[in-house]
């Protein structure tokens, strides 16, 4: 059985990743910092942040906790932004 190819993120996933990158910038956190705080592999995190692969719910939750928030907050913000883009 061949390995499953990573899926490209959809519009909502891209918004979540954008929010994560923005928060990393505001908090001055590097990919290495996030990887260390979450236990995620830095190489996987790098591909996610470059939008080369779809971000998973467990990854969103781990990163959200590193930011001191929840996956629901990050996804909610992403939904609001995605909706604004659709209306514009």
PDB file of N, CA and C in Angstrom:
ATOM      1  N   UNK A   1       0.842  -1.165   0.000  1.00  0.00           N
ATOM      2  CA  UNK A   1       0.000   0.000   0.000  1.00  0.00           C
ATOM      3  C   UNK A   1       0.896   1.239   0.000  1.00  0.00           C
ATOM      4  N   UNK A   2       0.631   2.190  -0.901  1.00  0.00           N
ATOM      5  CA  UNK A   2       1.458   3.389  -0.987  1.00  0.00           C
ATOM      6  C   UNK A   2       1.018   4.397   0.073  1.00  0.00           C
ATOM      7  N   UNK A   3       1.961   5.243   0.515  1.00  0.00           N
ATOM      8  CA  UNK A   3       1.599   6.240   1.531  1.00  0.00           C
ATOM      9  C   UNK A   3       0.586   7.235   0.955  1.00  0.00           C
ATOM     10  N   UNK A   4      -0.248   7.723   1.847  1.00  0.00           N
ATOM     11  CA  UNK A   4      -1.271   8.672   1.469  1.00  0.00           C
ATOM     12  C   UNK A   4      -0.618  10.032   1.187  1.00  0.00           C
ATOM     13  N   UNK A   5      -0.926  10.624   0.053  1.00  0.00           N
ATOM     14  CA  UNK A   5      -0.371  11.936  -0.293  1.00  0.00           C
ATOM     15  C   UNK A   5      -1.023  13.007   0.572  1.00  0.00           C
ATOM     16  N   UNK A   6      -0.237  13.989   1.036  1.00  0.00           N
ATOM     17  CA  UNK A   6      -0.828  15.055   1.843  1.00  0.00           C
ATOM     18  C   UNK A   6      -1.803  15.868   1.003  1.00  0.00           C
ATOM     19  N   UNK A   7      -2.899  16.227   1.593  1.00  0.00           N
ATOM     20  CA  UNK A   7      -3.907  17.006   0.875  1.00  0.00           C
ATOM     21  C   UNK A   7      -3.594  18.488   0.991  1.00  0.00           C
ATOM     22  N   UNK A   8      -3.865  19.209  -0.091  1.00  0.00           N
ATOM     23  CA  UNK A   8      -3.725  20.657  -0.052  1.00  0.00           C
ATOM     24  C   UNK A   8      -4.824  21.209   0.848  1.00  0.00           C
ATOM     25  N   UNK A   9      -4.499  22.266   1.611  1.00  0.00           N
ATOM     26  CA  UNK A   9      -5.529  22.833   2.475  1.00  0.00           C
ATOM     27  C   UNK A   9      -6.604  23.550   1.667  1.00  0.00           C
ATOM     28  N   UNK A  10      -7.816  23.491   2.144  1.00  0.00           N
ATOM     29  CA  UNK A  10      -8.911  24.233   1.529  1.00  0.00           C
ATOM     30  C   UNK A  10      -8.921  25.662   2.062  1.00  0.00           C
ATOM     31  N   UNK A  11      -9.921  26.443   1.697  1.00  0.00           N
ATOM     32  CA  UNK A  11      -9.974  27.845   2.117  1.00  0.00           C
ATOM     33  C   UNK A  11      -9.959  28.024   3.635  1.00  0.00           C
ATOM     34  N   UNK A  12     -10.704  27.199   4.352  1.00  0.00           N
ATOM     35  CA  UNK A  12     -10.735  27.321   5.809  1.00  0.00           C
ATOM     36  C   UNK A  12      -9.387  26.952   6.411  1.00  0.00           C
ATOM     37  N   UNK A  13      -8.783  25.877   5.906  1.00  0.00           N
ATOM     38  CA  UNK A  13      -7.463  25.480   6.397  1.00  0.00           C
ATOM     39  C   UNK A  13      -6.421  26.558   6.152  1.00  0.00           C
ATOM     40  N   UNK A  14      -6.498  27.212   4.987  1.00  0.00           N
ATOM     41  CA  UNK A  14      -5.555  28.302   4.693  1.00  0.00           C
ATOM     42  C   UNK A  14      -5.741  29.464   5.656  1.00  0.00           C
ATOM     43  N   UNK A  15      -6.994  29.769   6.003  1.00  0.00           N
ATOM     44  CA  UNK A  15      -7.250  30.845   6.974  1.00  0.00           C
ATOM     45  C   UNK A  15      -6.693  30.488   8.345  1.00  0.00           C
ATOM     46  N   UNK A  16      -6.884  29.234   8.766  1.00  0.00           N
ATOM     47  CA  UNK A  16      -6.341  28.798  10.059  1.00  0.00           C
ATOM     48  C   UNK A  16      -4.821  28.962  10.055  1.00  0.00           C
ATOM     49  N   UNK A  17      -4.178  28.534   8.985  1.00  0.00           N
ATOM     50  CA  UNK A  17      -2.713  28.632   8.884  1.00  0.00           C
ATOM     51  C   UNK A  17      -2.280  30.097   8.886  1.00  0.00           C
ATOM     52  N   UNK A  18      -3.009  30.947   8.202  1.00  0.00           N
ATOM     53  CA  UNK A  18      -2.688  32.379   8.208  1.00  0.00           C
ATOM     54  C   UNK A  18      -2.756  32.939   9.621  1.00  0.00           C
ATOM     55  N   UNK A  19      -3.791  32.579  10.350  1.00  0.00           N
ATOM     56  CA  UNK A  19      -3.944  33.042  11.739  1.00  0.00           C
ATOM     57  C   UNK A  19      -2.795  32.528  12.596  1.00  0.00           C
ATOM     58  N   UNK A  20      -2.416  31.277  12.409  1.00  0.00           N
ATOM     59  CA  UNK A  20      -1.301  30.709  13.174  1.00  0.00           C
ATOM     60  C   UNK A  20      -0.022  31.478  12.877  1.00  0.00           C
ATOM     61  N   UNK A  21       0.257  31.741  11.594  1.00  0.00           N
ATOM     62  CA  UNK A  21       1.473  32.498  11.237  1.00  0.00           C
ATOM     63  C   UNK A  21       1.437  33.899  11.849  1.00  0.00           C
ATOM     64  N   UNK A  22       0.269  34.553  11.813  1.00  0.00           N
ATOM     65  CA  UNK A  22       0.149  35.899  12.402  1.00  0.00           C
ATOM     66  C   UNK A  22       0.421  35.875  13.900  1.00  0.00           C
ATOM     67  N   UNK A  23      -0.156  34.897  14.584  1.00  0.00           N
ATOM     68  CA  UNK A  23       0.059  34.812  16.036  1.00  0.00           C
ATOM     69  C   UNK A  23       1.509  34.473  16.368  1.00  0.00           C
ATOM     70  N   UNK A  24       2.103  33.614  15.559  1.00  0.00           N
ATOM     71  CA  UNK A  24       3.528  33.319  15.770  1.00  0.00           C
ATOM     72  C   UNK A  24       4.347  34.601  15.658  1.00  0.00           C
ATOM     73  N   UNK A  25       4.029  35.425  14.683  1.00  0.00           N
ATOM     74  CA  UNK A  25       4.743  36.686  14.501  1.00  0.00           C
ATOM     75  C   UNK A  25       4.547  37.626  15.671  1.00  0.00           C
ATOM     76  N   UNK A  26       3.295  37.763  16.114  1.00  0.00           N
ATOM     77  CA  UNK A  26       3.010  38.652  17.256  1.00  0.00           C
ATOM     78  C   UNK A  26       3.712  38.181  18.522  1.00  0.00           C
ATOM     79  N   UNK A  27       3.757  36.863  18.707  1.00  0.00           N
ATOM     80  CA  UNK A  27       4.371  36.299  19.913  1.00  0.00           C
ATOM     81  C   UNK A  27       5.874  36.053  19.743  1.00  0.00           C
ATOM     82  N   UNK A  28       6.378  36.332  18.527  1.00  0.00           N
ATOM     83  CA  UNK A  28       7.790  36.119  18.206  1.00  0.00           C
ATOM     84  C   UNK A  28       8.224  34.666  18.454  1.00  0.00           C
ATOM     85  N   UNK A  29       7.372  33.757  17.985  1.00  0.00           N
ATOM     86  CA  UNK A  29       7.661  32.335  18.110  1.00  0.00           C
ATOM     87  C   UNK A  29       8.109  31.795  16.760  1.00  0.00           C
ATOM     88  N   UNK A  30       9.119  30.972  16.767  1.00  0.00           N
ATOM     89  CA  UNK A  30       9.603  30.333  15.553  1.00  0.00           C
ATOM     90  C   UNK A  30       8.930  28.974  15.385  1.00  0.00           C
ATOM     91  N   UNK A  31       9.139  28.379  14.212  1.00  0.00           N
ATOM     92  CA  UNK A  31       8.644  27.022  14.010  1.00  0.00           C
ATOM     93  C   UNK A  31       9.264  26.073  15.016  1.00  0.00           C
ATOM     94  N   UNK A  32      10.533  26.279  15.313  1.00  0.00           N
ATOM     95  CA  UNK A  32      11.209  25.420  16.305  1.00  0.00           C
ATOM     96  C   UNK A  32      10.551  25.576  17.673  1.00  0.00           C
ATOM     97  N   UNK A  33      10.180  26.798  18.026  1.00  0.00           N
ATOM     98  CA  UNK A  33       9.501  27.029  19.309  1.00  0.00           C
ATOM     99  C   UNK A  33       8.178  26.272  19.360  1.00  0.00           C
ATOM    100  N   UNK A  34       7.388  26.410  18.287  1.00  0.00           N
ATOM    101  CA  UNK A  34       6.083  25.745  18.249  1.00  0.00           C
ATOM    102  C   UNK A  34       6.257  24.226  18.276  1.00  0.00           C
ATOM    103  N   UNK A  35       7.225  23.722  17.521  1.00  0.00           N
ATOM    104  CA  UNK A  35       7.475  22.274  17.504  1.00  0.00           C
ATOM    105  C   UNK A  35       7.833  21.784  18.911  1.00  0.00           C
ATOM    106  N   UNK A  36       8.677  22.524  19.593  1.00  0.00           N
ATOM    107  CA  UNK A  36       9.096  22.144  20.942  1.00  0.00           C
ATOM    108  C   UNK A  36       7.912  22.197  21.913  1.00  0.00           C
ATOM    109  N   UNK A  37       7.069  23.219  21.788  1.00  0.00           N
ATOM    110  CA  UNK A  37       5.935  23.405  22.699  1.00  0.00           C
ATOM    111  C   UNK A  37       4.824  22.381  22.470  1.00  0.00           C
ATOM    112  N   UNK A  38       4.712  21.890  21.241  1.00  0.00           N
ATOM    113  CA  UNK A  38       3.586  21.009  20.884  1.00  0.00           C
ATOM    114  C   UNK A  38       3.955  19.545  20.721  1.00  0.00           C
ATOM    115  N   UNK A  39       5.240  19.277  20.481  1.00  0.00           N
ATOM    116  CA  UNK A  39       5.653  17.913  20.190  1.00  0.00           C
ATOM    117  C   UNK A  39       5.474  17.551  18.727  1.00  0.00           C
ATOM    118  N   UNK A  40       5.064  18.521  17.903  1.00  0.00           N
ATOM    119  CA  UNK A  40       4.931  18.273  16.461  1.00  0.00           C
ATOM    120  C   UNK A  40       6.312  18.275  15.835  1.00  0.00           C
ATOM    121  N   UNK A  41       6.473  17.542  14.745  1.00  0.00           N
ATOM    122  CA  UNK A  41       7.740  17.553  14.021  1.00  0.00           C
ATOM    123  C   UNK A  41       7.872  18.883  13.295  1.00  0.00           C
ATOM    124  N   UNK A  42       9.057  19.494  13.389  1.00  0.00           N
ATOM    125  CA  UNK A  42       9.267  20.778  12.754  1.00  0.00           C
ATOM    126  C   UNK A  42       9.103  20.686  11.234  1.00  0.00           C
ATOM    127  N   UNK A  43       9.542  19.580  10.642  1.00  0.00           N
ATOM    128  CA  UNK A  43       9.413  19.426   9.186  1.00  0.00           C
ATOM    129  C   UNK A  43       7.946  19.397   8.770  1.00  0.00           C
ATOM    130  N   UNK A  44       7.107  18.728   9.539  1.00  0.00           N
ATOM    131  CA  UNK A  44       5.675  18.669   9.250  1.00  0.00           C
ATOM    132  C   UNK A  44       5.044  20.044   9.449  1.00  0.00           C
ATOM    133  N   UNK A  45       5.435  20.721  10.515  1.00  0.00           N
ATOM    134  CA  UNK A  45       4.929  22.060  10.796  1.00  0.00           C
ATOM    135  C   UNK A  45       5.317  23.021   9.668  1.00  0.00           C
ATOM    136  N   UNK A  46       6.531  22.896   9.181  1.00  0.00           N
ATOM    137  CA  UNK A  46       7.002  23.741   8.088  1.00  0.00           C
ATOM    138  C   UNK A  46       6.145  23.555   6.843  1.00  0.00           C
ATOM    139  N   UNK A  47       5.857  22.309   6.494  1.00  0.00           N
ATOM    140  CA  UNK A  47       5.015  22.032   5.321  1.00  0.00           C
ATOM    141  C   UNK A  47       3.598  22.554   5.529  1.00  0.00           C
ATOM    142  N   UNK A  48       3.098  22.451   6.750  1.00  0.00           N
ATOM    143  CA  UNK A  48       1.757  22.960   7.056  1.00  0.00           C
ATOM    144  C   UNK A  48       1.720  24.475   6.900  1.00  0.00           C
ATOM    145  N   UNK A  49       2.705  25.159   7.474  1.00  0.00           N
ATOM    146  CA  UNK A  49       2.724  26.623   7.425  1.00  0.00           C
ATOM    147  C   UNK A  49       2.986  27.150   6.020  1.00  0.00           C
ATOM    148  N   UNK A  50       3.598  26.334   5.181  1.00  0.00           N
ATOM    149  CA  UNK A  50       3.822  26.699   3.783  1.00  0.00           C
ATOM    150  C   UNK A  50       2.609  26.321   2.918  1.00  0.00           C
ATOM    151  N   UNK A  51       1.570  25.799   3.559  1.00  0.00           N
ATOM    152  CA  UNK A  51       0.337  25.366   2.896  1.00  0.00           C
ATOM    153  C   UNK A  51       0.585  24.272   1.863  1.00  0.00           C
ATOM    154  N   UNK A  52       1.563  23.421   2.166  1.00  0.00           N
ATOM    155  CA  UNK A  52       1.861  22.281   1.295  1.00  0.00           C
ATOM    156  C   UNK A  52       1.107  21.034   1.726  1.00  0.00           C
ATOM    157  N   UNK A  53       0.503  21.096   2.898  1.00  0.00           N
ATOM    158  CA  UNK A  53      -0.288  19.975   3.396  1.00  0.00           C
ATOM    159  C   UNK A  53      -1.422  20.516   4.254  1.00  0.00           C
ATOM    160  N   UNK A  54      -2.448  19.717   4.379  1.00  0.00           N
ATOM    161  CA  UNK A  54      -3.623  20.085   5.158  1.00  0.00           C
ATOM    162  C   UNK A  54      -3.306  20.000   6.650  1.00  0.00           C
ATOM    163  N   UNK A  55      -3.782  20.957   7.419  1.00  0.00           N
ATOM    164  CA  UNK A  55      -3.581  20.929   8.870  1.00  0.00           C
ATOM    165  C   UNK A  55      -4.701  20.100   9.500  1.00  0.00           C
ATOM    166  N   UNK A  56      -4.336  19.266  10.457  1.00  0.00           N
ATOM    167  CA  UNK A  56      -5.310  18.414  11.128  1.00  0.00           C
ATOM    168  C   UNK A  56      -5.862  19.049  12.395  1.00  0.00           C
ATOM    169  N   UNK A  57      -6.978  18.545  12.842  1.00  0.00           N
ATOM    170  CA  UNK A  57      -7.638  19.054  14.038  1.00  0.00           C
ATOM    171  C   UNK A  57      -6.716  18.934  15.259  1.00  0.00           C
ATOM    172  N   UNK A  58      -6.027  17.808  15.389  1.00  0.00           N
ATOM    173  CA  UNK A  58      -5.134  17.628  16.534  1.00  0.00           C
ATOM    174  C   UNK A  58      -3.989  18.627  16.500  1.00  0.00           C
ATOM    175  N   UNK A  59      -3.494  18.933  15.296  1.00  0.00           N
ATOM    176  CA  UNK A  59      -2.430  19.938  15.169  1.00  0.00           C
ATOM    177  C   UNK A  59      -2.947  21.319  15.545  1.00  0.00           C
ATOM    178  N   UNK A  60      -4.151  21.648  15.089  1.00  0.00           N
ATOM    179  CA  UNK A  60      -4.737  22.946  15.435  1.00  0.00           C
ATOM    180  C   UNK A  60      -4.867  23.071  16.948  1.00  0.00           C
ATOM    181  N   UNK A  61      -5.360  22.019  17.595  1.00  0.00           N
ATOM    182  CA  UNK A  61      -5.530  22.062  19.050  1.00  0.00           C
ATOM    183  C   UNK A  61      -4.188  22.210  19.757  1.00  0.00           C
ATOM    184  N   UNK A  62      -3.179  21.462  19.340  1.00  0.00           N
ATOM    185  CA  UNK A  62      -1.861  21.553  19.983  1.00  0.00           C
ATOM    186  C   UNK A  62      -1.280  22.955  19.837  1.00  0.00           C
ATOM    187  N   UNK A  63      -1.389  23.518  18.651  1.00  0.00           N
ATOM    188  CA  UNK A  63      -0.850  24.864  18.415  1.00  0.00           C
ATOM    189  C   UNK A  63      -1.668  25.901  19.183  1.00  0.00           C
ATOM    190  N   UNK A  64      -2.978  25.738  19.193  1.00  0.00           N
ATOM    191  CA  UNK A  64      -3.837  26.660  19.946  1.00  0.00           C
ATOM    192  C   UNK A  64      -3.448  26.665  21.423  1.00  0.00           C
ATOM    193  N   UNK A  65      -3.236  25.487  21.986  1.00  0.00           N
ATOM    194  CA  UNK A  65      -2.838  25.411  23.395  1.00  0.00           C
ATOM    195  C   UNK A  65      -1.502  26.109  23.631  1.00  0.00           C
ATOM    196  N   UNK A  66      -0.586  26.009  22.682  1.00  0.00           N
ATOM    197  CA  UNK A  66       0.701  26.702  22.800  1.00  0.00           C
ATOM    198  C   UNK A  66       0.490  28.215  22.816  1.00  0.00           C
ATOM    199  N   UNK A  67      -0.575  28.686  22.153  1.00  0.00           N
ATOM    200  CA  UNK A  67      -0.906  30.114  22.142  1.00  0.00           C
ATOM    201  C   UNK A  67      -1.752  30.510  23.345  1.00  0.00           C
ATOM    202  N   UNK A  68      -2.166  29.539  24.149  1.00  0.00           N
ATOM    203  CA  UNK A  68      -3.012  29.832  25.303  1.00  0.00           C
ATOM    204  C   UNK A  68      -4.481  29.995  24.941  1.00  0.00           C
ATOM    205  N   UNK A  69      -4.910  29.332  23.877  1.00  0.00           N
ATOM    206  CA  UNK A  69      -6.300  29.411  23.445  1.00  0.00           C
ATOM    207  C   UNK A  69      -6.770  28.008  23.051  1.00  0.00           C
ATOM    208  N   UNK A  70      -7.857  27.931  22.316  1.00  0.00           N
ATOM    209  CA  UNK A  70      -8.391  26.635  21.914  1.00  0.00           C
ATOM    210  C   UNK A  70      -8.519  26.559  20.397  1.00  0.00           C
ATOM    211  N   UNK A  71      -8.671  25.341  19.912  1.00  0.00           N
ATOM    212  CA  UNK A  71      -8.898  25.135  18.482  1.00  0.00           C
ATOM    213  C   UNK A  71     -10.194  25.824  18.059  1.00  0.00           C
ATOM    214  N   UNK A  72     -11.192  25.813  18.926  1.00  0.00           N
ATOM    215  CA  UNK A  72     -12.473  26.448  18.600  1.00  0.00           C
ATOM    216  C   UNK A  72     -12.302  27.931  18.325  1.00  0.00           C
ATOM    217  N   UNK A  73     -11.449  28.586  19.077  1.00  0.00           N
ATOM    218  CA  UNK A  73     -11.213  30.017  18.867  1.00  0.00           C
ATOM    219  C   UNK A  73     -10.518  30.250  17.530  1.00  0.00           C
ATOM    220  N   UNK A  74      -9.470  29.462  17.238  1.00  0.00           N
ATOM    221  CA  UNK A  74      -8.753  29.634  15.974  1.00  0.00           C
ATOM    222  C   UNK A  74      -9.650  29.345  14.782  1.00  0.00           C
ATOM    223  N   UNK A  75     -10.400  28.254  14.844  1.00  0.00           N
ATOM    224  CA  UNK A  75     -11.271  27.893  13.729  1.00  0.00           C
ATOM    225  C   UNK A  75     -12.414  28.902  13.606  1.00  0.00           C
ATOM    226  N   UNK A  76     -12.936  29.372  14.723  1.00  0.00           N
ATOM    227  CA  UNK A  76     -13.993  30.389  14.687  1.00  0.00           C
ATOM    228  C   UNK A  76     -13.527  31.661  14.005  1.00  0.00           C
ATOM    229  N   UNK A  77     -12.326  32.106  14.338  1.00  0.00           N
ATOM    230  CA  UNK A  77     -11.761  33.298  13.701  1.00  0.00           C
ATOM    231  C   UNK A  77     -11.569  33.055  12.202  1.00  0.00           C
ATOM    232  N   UNK A  78     -11.102  31.868  11.860  1.00  0.00           N
ATOM    233  CA  UNK A  78     -10.899  31.523  10.448  1.00  0.00           C
ATOM    234  C   UNK A  78     -12.234  31.502   9.700  1.00  0.00           C
ATOM    235  N   UNK A  79     -13.273  30.969  10.326  1.00  0.00           N
ATOM    236  CA  UNK A  79     -14.606  30.951   9.701  1.00  0.00           C
ATOM    237  C   UNK A  79     -15.112  32.370   9.447  1.00  0.00           C
ATOM    238  N   UNK A  80     -14.906  33.253  10.418  1.00  0.00           N
ATOM    239  CA  UNK A  80     -15.322  34.652  10.249  1.00  0.00           C
ATOM    240  C   UNK A  80     -14.603  35.277   9.062  1.00  0.00           C
ATOM    241  N   UNK A  81     -13.313  35.079   8.980  1.00  0.00           N
ATOM    242  CA  UNK A  81     -12.536  35.645   7.875  1.00  0.00           C
ATOM    243  C   UNK A  81     -12.953  35.053   6.540  1.00  0.00           C
ATOM    244  N   UNK A  82     -13.145  33.754   6.503  1.00  0.00           N
ATOM    245  CA  UNK A  82     -13.531  33.097   5.254  1.00  0.00           C
ATOM    246  C   UNK A  82     -14.886  33.612   4.791  1.00  0.00           C
ATOM    247  N   UNK A  83     -15.784  33.825   5.736  1.00  0.00           N
ATOM    248  CA  UNK A  83     -17.114  34.352   5.409  1.00  0.00           C
ATOM    249  C   UNK A  83     -17.003  35.773   4.883  1.00  0.00           C
ATOM    250  N   UNK A  84     -16.129  36.579   5.498  1.00  0.00           N
ATOM    251  CA  UNK A  84     -15.924  37.958   5.036  1.00  0.00           C
ATOM    252  C   UNK A  84     -15.400  37.960   3.601  1.00  0.00           C
ATOM    253  N   UNK A  85     -14.485  37.051   3.285  1.00  0.00           N
ATOM    254  CA  UNK A  85     -13.925  36.974   1.931  1.00  0.00           C
ATOM    255  C   UNK A  85     -15.000  36.591   0.918  1.00  0.00           C
ATOM    256  N   UNK A  86     -15.927  35.714   1.328  1.00  0.00           N
ATOM    257  CA  UNK A  86     -16.992  35.288   0.418  1.00  0.00           C
ATOM    258  C   UNK A  86     -17.959  36.430   0.146  1.00  0.00           C
ATOM    259  N   UNK A  87     -18.208  37.266   1.155  1.00  0.00           N
ATOM    260  CA  UNK A  87     -19.157  38.378   1.033  1.00  0.00           C
ATOM    261  C   UNK A  87     -18.549  39.505   0.214  1.00  0.00           C
ATOM    262  N   UNK A  88     -17.235  39.705   0.345  1.00  0.00           N
ATOM    263  CA  UNK A  88     -16.564  40.824  -0.347  1.00  0.00           C
ATOM    264  C   UNK A  88     -16.594  40.687  -1.836  1.00  0.00           C
TER     265      UNK A  88
END
